[in-house]
Protein backbone atom coordinates (compact mmCIF):
# COMPACT_ATOMS: atom_id res chain seq x y z
CA UNK A 1 10.48 -25.73 21.10
CA UNK A 2 9.58 -22.83 18.77
CA UNK A 3 6.37 -22.18 17.10
CA UNK A 4 5.93 -23.45 13.58
CA UNK A 5 3.10 -21.60 11.55
CA UNK A 6 4.24 -23.15 8.16
CA UNK A 7 1.18 -25.59 7.79
CA UNK A 8 -1.12 -22.77 8.76
CA UNK A 9 0.20 -19.96 7.04
CA UNK A 10 -2.13 -19.82 4.05
CA UNK A 11 -5.23 -19.91 6.49
CA UNK A 12 -3.69 -17.25 8.78
CA UNK A 13 -2.99 -15.00 6.25
CA UNK A 14 -3.73 -11.37 7.88
CA UNK A 15 -4.71 -10.26 4.48
CA UNK A 16 -7.49 -12.83 4.25
CA UNK A 17 -11.33 -12.37 4.02
CA UNK A 18 -11.27 -9.63 1.69
CA UNK A 19 -8.79 -7.49 2.83
CA UNK A 20 -6.14 -7.91 0.08
CA UNK A 21 -7.17 -4.64 -1.60
CA UNK A 22 -4.11 -2.33 -1.11
CA UNK A 23 -5.97 0.83 -2.27
CA UNK A 24 -8.75 0.28 0.76
CA UNK A 25 -8.01 1.18 4.18
CA UNK A 26 -9.42 -1.54 6.72
CA UNK A 27 -11.55 0.01 9.33
CA UNK A 28 -13.05 -2.96 11.14
CA UNK A 29 -11.84 -6.76 10.74
CA UNK A 30 -14.19 -9.57 12.29
CA UNK A 31 -12.54 -12.81 12.83
CA UNK A 32 -14.64 -15.74 14.09
CA UNK A 33 -17.27 -13.53 15.85
CA UNK A 34 -19.70 -15.38 18.04
CA UNK A 35 -22.71 -14.10 19.93
CA UNK A 36 -24.54 -16.66 21.94
CA UNK A 37 -27.43 -15.73 24.63
CA UNK A 38 -27.81 -18.27 27.46
CA UNK A 39 -31.51 -19.72 27.97
CA UNK A 40 -32.77 -20.41 31.34
CA UNK A 41 -32.74 -24.15 32.37
CA UNK A 42 -36.55 -25.95 31.67
CA UNK A 43 -36.35 -27.48 35.13
CA UNK A 44 -34.13 -28.13 38.13
CA UNK A 45 -33.01 -31.61 36.71
CA UNK A 46 -31.97 -30.11 33.33
CA UNK A 47 -27.92 -30.09 33.29
CA UNK A 48 -27.81 -29.21 29.46
CA UNK A 49 -26.74 -25.59 28.67
CA UNK A 50 -28.59 -24.14 25.98
CA UNK A 51 -28.07 -20.97 23.79
CA UNK A 52 -29.58 -18.84 21.35
CA UNK A 53 -26.87 -18.82 18.49
CA UNK A 54 -27.57 -15.51 17.18
CA UNK A 55 -24.13 -14.98 15.40
CA UNK A 56 -21.99 -18.13 14.58
CA UNK A 57 -18.40 -17.88 13.54
CA UNK A 58 -18.69 -14.73 11.18
CA UNK A 59 -15.39 -13.37 9.58
CA UNK A 60 -15.26 -10.31 7.42
CA UNK A 61 -13.53 -6.83 6.72
CA UNK A 62 -15.20 -3.42 6.59
CA UNK A 63 -13.28 -0.89 4.60
CA UNK A 64 -13.13 2.77 5.52
CA UNK A 65 -15.77 4.89 3.49
CA UNK A 66 -17.60 2.02 2.25
CA UNK A 67 -21.20 0.99 2.64
CA UNK A 68 -21.49 -2.61 3.74
CA UNK A 69 -25.08 -3.96 2.91
CA UNK A 70 -26.57 -6.82 5.30
CA UNK A 71 -29.56 -8.85 4.15
CA UNK A 72 -31.48 -11.80 5.27
CA UNK A 73 -34.77 -13.08 6.83
CA UNK A 74 -35.95 -12.06 9.86
CA UNK A 75 -34.37 -13.59 12.74
CA UNK A 76 -31.06 -14.41 11.05
CA UNK A 77 -28.79 -12.24 13.52
CA UNK A 78 -28.53 -9.15 11.45
CA UNK A 79 -29.34 -6.65 13.82
CA UNK A 80 -27.37 -8.68 16.71
CA UNK A 81 -24.42 -8.51 14.56
CA UNK A 82 -24.37 -4.83 14.39
CA UNK A 83 -25.17 -4.34 18.04
CA UNK A 84 -22.13 -6.87 18.90
CA UNK A 85 -19.72 -4.97 16.68
CA UNK A 86 -20.42 -1.88 18.91
CA UNK A 87 -20.11 -4.11 22.00
CA UNK A 88 -23.65 -3.29 23.18
CA UNK A 89 -23.82 -6.99 23.61
CA UNK A 90 -20.60 -8.76 25.19
CA UNK A 91 -18.97 -11.04 22.35
CA UNK A 92 -19.18 -14.49 23.37
CA UNK A 93 -16.02 -15.34 21.18
CA UNK A 94 -13.73 -14.20 18.44
CA UNK A 95 -11.89 -10.88 17.49
CA UNK A 96 -13.35 -7.51 16.51
CA UNK A 97 -10.27 -5.35 15.65
CA UNK A 98 -10.82 -1.51 15.09
CA UNK A 99 -8.21 0.59 13.31
CA UNK A 100 -10.01 4.12 13.64
CA UNK A 101 -7.75 4.75 16.60
CA UNK A 102 -4.47 3.36 17.72
CA UNK A 103 -3.37 1.15 20.85
CA UNK A 104 -1.12 4.24 22.01
CA UNK A 105 -4.18 6.55 21.74
CA UNK A 106 -6.51 4.33 24.06
CA UNK A 107 -3.80 2.32 25.75
CA UNK A 108 -6.27 -0.67 26.95
CA UNK A 109 -5.72 -2.87 29.91
CA UNK A 110 -5.82 -6.37 28.00
CA UNK A 111 -2.44 -5.22 26.37
CA UNK A 112 -0.59 -4.68 29.78
CA UNK A 113 -1.90 -8.10 30.72
CA UNK A 114 -0.56 -9.94 27.45
CA UNK A 115 2.99 -8.36 28.22
CA UNK A 116 2.96 -9.42 31.77
CA UNK A 117 2.06 -13.07 30.87
CA UNK A 118 3.90 -13.42 27.62
CA UNK A 119 5.81 -16.53 28.52
CA UNK A 120 2.98 -18.19 29.87
CA UNK A 121 0.68 -17.37 26.96
CA UNK A 122 3.17 -18.81 24.54
CA UNK A 123 3.61 -22.01 26.23
CA UNK A 124 -0.18 -22.14 26.13
CA UNK A 125 0.10 -21.38 22.58
CA UNK A 126 2.45 -24.41 21.67
CA UNK A 127 0.31 -26.66 23.67
CA UNK A 128 -2.75 -25.71 21.57
CA UNK A 129 -0.52 -25.85 18.45
CA UNK A 130 0.41 -29.57 19.33
CA UNK A 131 -3.23 -30.47 20.00
CA UNK A 132 -4.04 -29.06 16.22
CA UNK A 133 -1.25 -31.12 14.68
CA UNK A 134 -2.72 -34.39 16.78
CA UNK A 135 -6.30 -33.66 15.47
CA UNK A 136 -4.79 -32.99 11.87
CA UNK A 137 -3.08 -36.44 12.08
CA UNK A 138 -6.42 -38.33 13.21
CA UNK A 139 -8.26 -36.70 10.23
CA UNK A 140 -5.82 -37.68 7.88
CA UNK A 141 -5.86 -41.36 9.01
CA UNK A 142 -9.63 -41.60 9.01
CA UNK A 143 -11.09 -43.36 5.99
CA UNK A 144 -13.82 -41.44 3.96
CA UNK A 145 -17.15 -41.17 5.67
CA UNK A 146 -18.96 -39.81 8.57
CA UNK A 147 -15.96 -40.33 11.14
CA UNK A 148 -13.75 -38.18 8.90
CA UNK A 149 -16.39 -35.40 8.78
CA UNK A 150 -16.52 -35.69 12.53
CA UNK A 151 -12.46 -35.62 12.65
CA UNK A 152 -12.69 -32.48 10.38
CA UNK A 153 -14.68 -30.71 12.47
CA UNK A 154 -12.61 -31.42 15.64
CA UNK A 155 -9.55 -30.49 13.71
CA UNK A 156 -11.15 -27.07 12.62
CA UNK A 157 -12.00 -26.17 16.24
CA UNK A 158 -8.38 -27.02 17.39
CA UNK A 159 -6.93 -24.98 14.56
CA UNK A 160 -9.30 -22.04 15.49
CA UNK A 161 -8.22 -22.13 19.17
CA UNK A 162 -4.37 -21.82 18.33
CA UNK A 163 -5.17 -19.43 15.78
CA UNK A 164 -6.76 -16.84 17.88
CA UNK A 165 -4.38 -16.98 20.59
CA UNK A 166 -1.52 -16.73 17.81
CA UNK A 167 -3.03 -13.51 16.39
CA UNK A 168 -3.69 -11.97 19.97
CA UNK A 169 0.12 -12.45 20.54
CA UNK A 170 1.51 -11.73 16.92
CA UNK A 171 -0.66 -8.61 16.83
CA UNK A 172 0.89 -7.18 19.76
CA UNK A 173 4.35 -8.77 19.79
CA UNK A 174 5.09 -9.57 16.10
CA UNK A 175 8.62 -10.50 15.19
CA UNK A 176 9.76 -10.64 18.93
CA UNK A 177 7.91 -13.99 19.15
CA UNK A 178 11.18 -15.59 17.78
CA UNK A 179 13.25 -14.49 20.85
CA UNK A 180 14.51 -17.23 22.95
CA UNK A 181 14.29 -15.24 26.18
CA UNK A 182 10.63 -13.82 26.19
CA UNK A 183 11.08 -12.68 29.81
CA UNK A 184 13.32 -9.84 28.68
CA UNK A 185 10.93 -9.03 25.53
CA UNK A 186 8.20 -8.93 28.08
CA UNK A 187 10.22 -6.55 30.37
CA UNK A 188 10.99 -4.06 27.78
CA UNK A 189 7.75 -3.96 26.17
CA UNK A 190 6.05 -3.56 29.44
CA UNK A 191 8.37 -0.63 30.41
CA UNK A 192 7.44 1.00 26.91
CA UNK A 193 3.72 0.40 27.39
CA UNK A 194 3.52 1.71 30.93
CA UNK A 195 5.11 4.81 29.89
CA UNK A 196 2.85 5.12 27.00
CA UNK A 197 -0.46 4.69 29.37
CA UNK A 198 0.99 7.58 31.39
CA UNK A 199 1.28 9.71 28.39
CA UNK A 200 -2.34 8.94 27.33
CA UNK A 201 -3.64 9.56 30.83
CA UNK A 202 -1.89 12.96 31.02
CA UNK A 203 -3.24 13.86 27.44
CA UNK A 204 -6.75 13.11 28.89
CA UNK A 205 -6.32 15.12 31.90
CA UNK A 206 -5.20 17.97 29.89
CA UNK A 207 -8.19 17.95 27.66
CA UNK A 208 -10.51 17.71 30.70
CA UNK A 209 -8.97 20.59 32.29
CA UNK A 210 -9.03 22.75 29.39
CA UNK A 211 -12.76 21.78 29.05
CA UNK A 212 -13.19 22.76 32.67
CA UNK A 213 -11.29 26.03 32.01
CA UNK A 214 -13.40 26.99 29.01
CA UNK A 215 -16.64 26.08 30.91
CA UNK A 216 -15.62 28.52 33.92
CA UNK A 217 -14.68 31.20 31.26
CA UNK A 218 -18.24 30.87 29.77
CA UNK A 219 -19.92 31.02 33.01
CA UNK A 220 -18.10 34.13 34.12
CA UNK A 221 -18.88 35.95 30.43
CA UNK A 222 -22.46 35.07 31.20
CA UNK A 223 -22.49 36.92 34.28
CA UNK A 224 -20.88 40.03 32.46
CA UNK A 225 -17.43 39.69 33.92
CA UNK A 226 -14.63 41.57 31.97
CA UNK A 227 -11.51 39.92 30.40
CA UNK A 228 -9.45 40.92 33.26
CA UNK A 229 -11.59 39.57 35.89
CA UNK A 230 -11.94 36.28 34.11
CA UNK A 231 -8.26 35.98 33.92
CA UNK A 232 -7.85 36.76 37.69
CA UNK A 233 -10.51 34.05 38.57
CA UNK A 234 -9.03 31.44 36.16
CA UNK A 235 -5.15 31.55 37.46
CA UNK A 236 -5.42 28.19 39.34
CA UNK A 237 -6.96 26.19 36.11
CA UNK A 238 -4.27 27.87 33.99
CA UNK A 239 -1.51 26.76 36.53
CA UNK A 240 -2.76 23.23 36.58
CA UNK A 241 -3.00 22.98 32.70
CA UNK A 242 0.82 24.39 32.53
CA UNK A 243 1.90 21.91 35.18
CA UNK A 244 0.33 18.83 33.65
CA UNK A 245 1.75 19.87 29.96
CA UNK A 246 5.28 20.17 31.74
CA UNK A 247 4.68 16.62 33.05
CA UNK A 248 3.32 15.42 29.72
CA UNK A 249 6.74 16.57 28.01
CA UNK A 250 8.74 15.00 30.28
CA UNK A 251 7.01 11.48 29.73
CA UNK A 252 6.90 12.04 26.06
CA UNK A 253 10.73 12.18 26.28
CA UNK A 254 10.83 9.19 28.29
CA UNK A 255 8.67 7.19 26.03
CA UNK A 256 10.95 8.11 22.95
CA UNK A 257 13.80 6.61 24.93
CA UNK A 258 11.84 3.45 25.59
CA UNK A 259 10.55 3.31 21.70
CA UNK A 260 14.21 3.28 20.69
CA UNK A 261 14.95 0.40 23.19
CA UNK A 262 12.12 -1.44 21.55
CA UNK A 263 13.61 -0.91 18.08
CA UNK A 264 16.91 -1.94 19.08
CA UNK A 265 15.33 -5.34 20.18
CA UNK A 266 13.62 -5.51 17.24
CA UNK A 267 16.82 -5.03 15.19
CA UNK A 268 18.66 -7.65 17.09
CA UNK A 269 16.49 -10.42 15.90
CA UNK A 270 15.60 -9.05 12.28
CA UNK A 271 17.89 -11.59 10.72
CA UNK A 272 16.21 -14.61 12.14
CA UNK A 273 14.59 -16.55 9.32
CA UNK A 274 10.99 -16.41 10.96
CA UNK A 275 11.16 -12.89 12.01
CA UNK A 276 9.27 -11.42 8.95
CA UNK A 277 6.57 -14.60 9.52
CA UNK A 278 5.46 -12.94 12.51
CA UNK A 279 6.24 -9.44 12.14
CA UNK A 280 3.71 -9.15 9.20
CA UNK A 281 0.65 -9.94 11.90
CA UNK A 282 1.89 -6.92 14.05
CA UNK A 283 -0.51 -3.91 13.89
CA UNK A 284 -2.08 -1.04 15.98
CA UNK A 285 -5.60 -2.01 15.69
CA UNK A 286 -7.76 -2.47 18.96
CA UNK A 287 -9.49 -5.50 19.70
CA UNK A 288 -12.76 -4.44 20.95
CA UNK A 289 -14.00 -7.57 22.55
CA UNK A 290 -11.35 -7.31 25.24
CA UNK A 291 -11.94 -3.72 26.21
CA UNK A 292 -13.24 -2.67 29.61
CA UNK A 293 -16.58 -0.71 29.97
CA UNK A 294 -14.85 2.50 30.40
CA UNK A 295 -12.30 2.09 27.48
CA UNK A 296 -15.41 1.11 25.29
CA UNK A 297 -17.01 4.28 26.52
CA UNK A 298 -14.08 6.20 24.75
CA UNK A 299 -14.76 4.98 21.69
CA UNK A 300 -18.51 5.47 21.39
CA UNK A 301 -18.05 8.65 19.87
CA UNK A 302 -16.20 6.78 17.06
CA UNK A 303 -18.78 3.91 16.76
CA UNK A 304 -22.36 5.04 16.43
CA UNK A 305 -25.94 3.55 15.75
CA UNK A 306 -29.29 4.78 14.11
CA UNK A 307 -32.11 2.74 15.61
CA UNK A 308 -34.97 1.22 13.38
CA UNK A 309 -37.71 2.76 15.38
CA UNK A 310 -37.56 6.58 14.92
CA UNK A 311 -40.50 6.49 17.77
CA UNK A 312 -39.26 4.83 20.82
CA UNK A 313 -35.43 5.73 20.25
CA UNK A 314 -35.84 9.36 21.06
CA UNK A 315 -36.39 10.46 24.77
CA UNK A 316 -39.72 12.19 24.73
CA UNK A 317 -39.00 14.55 27.71
CA UNK A 318 -35.93 16.35 25.86
CA UNK A 319 -36.06 18.60 23.11
CA UNK A 320 -34.13 18.12 19.90
CA UNK A 321 -31.36 20.40 21.10
CA UNK A 322 -30.88 18.39 24.44
CA UNK A 323 -31.07 15.24 22.35
CA UNK A 324 -28.29 15.92 19.85
CA UNK A 325 -26.19 17.81 22.94
CA UNK A 326 -26.30 14.82 25.05
CA UNK A 327 -23.53 12.95 23.50
CA UNK A 328 -21.37 16.46 22.91
CA UNK A 329 -20.98 16.77 26.63
CA UNK A 330 -20.75 13.29 27.39
CA UNK A 331 -17.71 12.90 24.94
CA UNK A 332 -16.33 16.41 26.01
CA UNK A 333 -16.57 17.88 22.60
CA UNK A 334 -17.94 21.13 24.33
CA UNK A 335 -17.88 22.52 27.75
CA UNK A 336 -21.24 23.05 29.66
CA UNK A 337 -22.71 26.49 28.99
CA UNK A 338 -20.66 26.97 26.04
CA UNK A 339 -22.19 29.43 23.56
CA UNK A 340 -20.76 27.82 20.76
CA UNK A 341 -22.57 24.39 21.26
CA UNK A 342 -25.89 25.56 19.77
CA UNK A 343 -24.47 27.10 16.65
CA UNK A 344 -22.88 23.72 16.30
CA UNK A 345 -26.10 21.80 16.80
CA UNK A 346 -28.12 23.98 14.42
CA UNK A 347 -25.35 23.47 11.73
CA UNK A 348 -25.72 19.73 12.22
CA UNK A 349 -29.50 19.95 12.30
CA UNK A 350 -29.55 21.87 8.84
CA UNK A 351 -27.02 19.43 7.36
CA UNK A 352 -29.78 16.63 8.26
CA UNK A 353 -32.63 18.65 6.68
CA UNK A 354 -34.14 20.09 10.09
CA UNK A 355 -34.95 23.69 10.29
CA UNK A 356 -33.15 25.72 13.12
CA UNK A 357 -36.51 26.74 14.84
CA UNK A 358 -37.03 22.79 15.57
CA UNK A 359 -34.20 22.80 18.46
CA UNK A 360 -36.55 23.63 21.11
CA UNK A 361 -39.47 20.99 20.11
CA UNK A 362 -39.95 17.63 21.61
CA UNK A 363 -40.06 14.42 19.64
CA UNK A 364 -43.94 14.09 19.69
CA UNK A 365 -44.36 17.06 17.45
CA UNK A 366 -42.45 15.59 14.37
CA UNK A 367 -43.57 13.14 11.70
CA UNK A 368 -41.55 9.78 11.47
CA UNK A 369 -39.25 10.90 8.60
CA UNK A 370 -38.62 13.92 10.62
CA UNK A 371 -37.90 11.88 13.91
CA UNK A 372 -35.47 9.58 12.03
CA UNK A 373 -33.34 12.61 10.76
CA UNK A 374 -33.06 13.66 14.57
CA UNK A 375 -31.80 10.08 15.05
CA UNK A 376 -29.28 10.60 12.38
CA UNK A 377 -28.18 14.19 13.78
CA UNK A 378 -27.51 12.87 16.96
CA UNK A 379 -25.17 10.16 15.72
CA UNK A 380 -23.46 12.51 13.00
CA UNK A 381 -23.03 15.27 15.49
CA UNK A 382 -20.42 13.12 17.39
CA UNK A 383 -18.26 13.01 14.00
CA UNK A 384 -18.18 9.13 14.14
CA UNK A 385 -16.09 6.80 11.87
CA UNK A 386 -18.48 4.11 11.66
CA UNK A 387 -22.40 4.03 11.73
CA UNK A 388 -24.71 0.88 12.07
CA UNK A 389 -28.00 1.67 10.34
CA UNK A 390 -30.26 -0.98 11.90
CA UNK A 391 -33.13 -0.92 9.26
CA UNK A 392 -32.84 2.69 9.37
CA UNK A 393 -35.73 3.44 6.79
CA UNK A 394 -38.02 0.12 7.11
CA UNK A 395 -40.46 1.98 9.32
CA UNK A 396 -40.84 5.05 6.83
CA UNK A 397 -43.03 5.45 3.59
CA UNK A 398 -41.22 4.91 0.54
CA UNK A 399 -41.24 8.64 -0.39
CA UNK A 400 -39.59 9.53 2.89
CA UNK A 401 -37.25 6.48 2.61
CA UNK A 402 -35.62 7.82 -0.47
CA UNK A 403 -35.10 11.18 1.25
CA UNK A 404 -33.37 9.50 4.17
CA UNK A 405 -31.14 7.26 1.92
CA UNK A 406 -30.06 10.20 0.06
CA UNK A 407 -29.13 12.19 3.29
CA UNK A 408 -27.11 9.23 4.49
CA UNK A 409 -25.30 9.35 0.79
CA UNK A 410 -24.57 13.06 1.27
CA UNK A 411 -23.24 12.82 4.78
CA UNK A 412 -21.14 9.68 3.84
CA UNK A 413 -19.67 11.76 1.08
CA UNK A 414 -19.00 14.91 3.23
CA UNK A 415 -17.71 13.21 6.22
CA UNK A 416 -16.11 9.95 4.76
CA UNK A 417 -18.39 7.85 7.02
CA UNK A 418 -18.72 4.14 6.89
CA UNK A 419 -21.77 2.23 7.18
CA UNK A 420 -22.94 -1.17 8.05
CA UNK A 421 -26.44 -0.80 6.62
CA UNK A 422 -28.92 -3.56 7.66
CA UNK A 423 -32.11 -4.10 5.76
CA UNK A 424 -34.67 -6.44 4.23
CA UNK A 425 -35.23 -4.34 1.18
CA UNK A 426 -32.76 -5.79 -1.46
CA UNK A 427 -33.70 -2.85 -3.79
CA UNK A 428 -32.61 -0.22 -1.08
CA UNK A 429 -29.33 -2.54 -0.46
CA UNK A 430 -28.61 -2.79 -4.17
CA UNK A 431 -29.12 1.18 -4.36
CA UNK A 432 -26.93 2.30 -1.27
CA UNK A 433 -24.36 -0.49 -0.68
CA UNK A 434 -20.83 -0.88 -2.15
CA UNK A 435 -20.64 -4.59 -1.05
CA UNK A 436 -23.43 -6.72 0.21
CA UNK A 437 -23.51 -9.62 2.97
CA UNK A 438 -26.00 -12.33 2.83
CA UNK A 439 -26.89 -13.82 6.38
CA UNK A 440 -28.61 -17.17 7.09
CA UNK A 441 -29.17 -18.25 10.45
CA UNK A 442 -26.25 -16.59 12.21
CA UNK A 443 -24.01 -17.09 9.38
CA UNK A 444 -22.57 -14.88 6.55
CA UNK A 445 -23.10 -17.23 3.51
CA UNK A 446 -22.13 -14.95 0.73
CA UNK A 447 -20.37 -11.59 0.54
CA UNK A 448 -19.57 -9.73 -2.68
CA UNK A 449 -19.51 -6.37 -4.47
CA UNK A 450 -23.20 -5.38 -5.10
CA UNK A 451 -23.10 -5.70 -8.92
CA UNK A 452 -21.26 -8.93 -8.72
CA UNK A 453 -23.76 -10.60 -6.12
CA UNK A 454 -27.04 -9.48 -7.77
CA UNK A 455 -25.64 -10.68 -11.37
CA UNK A 456 -23.93 -13.93 -10.33
CA UNK A 457 -24.94 -15.16 -6.95
CA UNK A 458 -23.34 -18.24 -5.99
CA UNK A 459 -25.12 -19.62 -2.77
CA UNK A 460 -28.40 -20.93 -3.32
CA UNK A 461 -30.09 -18.75 -0.40
CA UNK A 462 -28.88 -15.63 -2.27
CA UNK A 463 -30.40 -16.95 -5.39
CA UNK A 464 -33.66 -17.68 -3.72
CA UNK A 465 -33.64 -14.11 -2.08
CA UNK A 466 -33.08 -12.42 -5.51
CA UNK A 467 -35.86 -14.56 -7.14
CA UNK A 468 -38.28 -13.27 -4.51
CA UNK A 469 -37.84 -9.75 -5.28
CA UNK A 470 -41.41 -8.41 -6.62
CA UNK A 471 -41.56 -7.26 -10.23
CA UNK A 472 -44.20 -6.01 -12.58
CA UNK A 473 -41.86 -6.63 -15.55
CA UNK A 474 -43.01 -9.63 -17.38
CA UNK A 475 -39.69 -9.94 -19.19
CA UNK A 476 -37.72 -10.05 -16.04
CA UNK A 477 -40.12 -12.75 -14.71
CA UNK A 478 -39.64 -14.76 -17.57
CA UNK A 479 -35.72 -14.42 -17.12
CA UNK A 480 -35.98 -15.92 -13.77
CA UNK A 481 -35.87 -19.52 -14.87
CA UNK A 482 -34.44 -20.82 -11.82
CA UNK A 483 -37.33 -18.95 -9.50
CA UNK A 484 -38.29 -21.02 -6.62
CA UNK A 485 -40.01 -20.41 -3.31
CA UNK A 486 -38.30 -21.05 0.07
CA UNK A 487 -40.48 -23.23 1.98
CA UNK A 488 -40.59 -23.36 5.84
CA UNK A 489 -38.98 -21.21 8.55
CA UNK A 490 -35.51 -20.70 9.50
CA UNK A 491 -34.59 -23.42 11.69
CA UNK A 492 -34.27 -22.78 15.51
CA UNK A 493 -31.13 -20.93 16.29
CA UNK A 494 -31.19 -23.07 19.71
CA UNK A 495 -30.59 -26.22 17.78
CA UNK A 496 -29.33 -25.65 14.28
CA UNK A 497 -29.03 -28.31 11.77
CA UNK A 498 -25.71 -29.80 11.51
CA UNK A 499 -23.60 -29.32 8.65
CA UNK A 500 -24.69 -26.36 6.35
CA UNK A 501 -27.59 -24.85 8.10
CA UNK A 502 -29.52 -24.06 4.94
CA UNK A 503 -29.51 -27.65 3.64
CA UNK A 504 -33.16 -28.35 5.25
CA UNK A 505 -34.40 -25.79 2.59
CA UNK A 506 -31.86 -26.11 -0.11
CA UNK A 507 -32.87 -27.93 -3.47
CA UNK A 508 -29.18 -28.57 -4.13
CA UNK A 509 -28.29 -30.34 -0.82
CA UNK A 510 -26.36 -33.56 -0.76
CA UNK A 511 -24.92 -35.89 1.97
CA UNK A 512 -21.72 -33.87 2.55
CA UNK A 513 -24.01 -30.66 3.08
CA UNK A 514 -25.75 -32.43 6.37
CA UNK A 515 -22.39 -33.15 7.91
CA UNK A 516 -19.75 -31.00 7.01
CA UNK A 517 -20.03 -27.01 7.63
CA UNK A 518 -18.83 -25.40 4.34
CA UNK A 519 -15.67 -22.91 4.56
CA UNK A 520 -16.23 -19.12 3.88
CA UNK A 521 -13.79 -18.76 1.04
CA UNK A 522 -13.01 -16.65 -1.73
CA UNK A 523 -14.01 -18.18 -5.13
CA UNK A 524 -13.44 -14.96 -7.27
CA UNK A 525 -11.59 -11.83 -6.44
CA UNK A 526 -13.63 -10.14 -3.67
CA UNK A 527 -16.68 -12.88 -3.78
CA UNK A 528 -16.80 -14.91 -0.94
CA UNK A 529 -19.37 -17.89 -0.48
CA UNK A 530 -19.77 -20.59 2.18
CA UNK A 531 -21.28 -23.61 0.02
CA UNK A 532 -20.40 -27.18 -1.03
CA UNK A 533 -22.19 -26.53 -4.35
CA UNK A 534 -21.47 -23.25 -5.59
CA UNK A 535 -23.73 -21.68 -8.29
CA UNK A 536 -22.31 -19.68 -11.43
CA UNK A 537 -19.05 -20.64 -10.75
CA UNK A 538 -18.06 -20.67 -14.40
CA UNK A 539 -19.15 -17.28 -15.17
């Protein structure tokens, strides 16, 4: 029995969730992300497992070089989403695919496990696909009413389980999923990948040895040794590097031969009618949710965080120079005692608006705005590709806020950075963001380009947030005809209401809102919303 994706092809489109702009490169793709925190049992007789559903089934795409703003009330899961993306919390469910590096560069363990168990995983996929078809038939057979709504939810869960496993396999194997003999495919891919892992290991070893070599040279120079003495003292280190480079050259030749073998296998199945169906899902992205702690540590250089509190996020026992240099040494960007590191730190400080003589001062000697600049310098020094700005300006005065925001924009322009900018202040979000996501009780309910979202909000919650922005303009107040104040607090994330989570506070809510979770769908190009009663849909 072979897999048939024809029914789900529209829902499984790899270009879905806002990734259909060919001019933009996707940096991070989030699919059905969940972050649940388990709660302690209330007593020894309590058998119910309870969770705080901080993030619940979030799917979106973050493009390289953009600033994605994230807004919502306190407690809706904004900060948790940012930290889960960085895998500071162990992701409960879903896929977080990072395209800043390739699988070949990192060689993660989960790819090896997938290739080793390819046949059994494929059989598991067929079973899930069968369950999906059965739940779909049950849903179709039910009459209109509450039972049909329940059957729809059951079908969606089955479809999601099958889709996630399918994507895990198709991303790595691609069109070779059509092969009748998956054991042969598994063997060929496994041989290639093991060689790739060895090449990656050797490259890292060479980098580490070179760094050690530079560190020894720097120490000897500090002691006043001549160049000839340094050459004699570092013979062993140079020989070791040369030996590793020779091994690497041999392994790279072997890898090139293995690559040809894989390509030959792909050529064999290219004429299969379903080959392209599966091949379009194959890419070189890294699933962050499946990485080990050590593998994730390597990517920390690329994925950084600017904390909300500039006071508690800096070590009071370290100087500014030591705070910034910690990450540089941890990620082997500089050798210990390398004289170039101080010049680099001063250069980064200068870009972040900090004077060079601050390098030996401690955090308590600075104002809030200056401390936040130190936090930014610490992140930017590692030359990251993605930074989560977790309410980075909310603890600062308004005048200082504008300086920090302009600094972030300048750094983004200079280094092609990508930001996830989390804030409560809609005015700040409007100024800094290219696109805006609106969160409510763990879900993203609306996502659109900034101007589009502010001029044509489609979700009632977005409408209420925009109407709540303080204004002194009487004309603007008059324009807000649909202004209404949200009553009550966000429902408990431990036991959220069924259906649309916003229906308990929404003035447009009907029966369907209380029973069926609305799909997060694209209503206009680039404008996504999860609502049964979309606003401004005719504009």
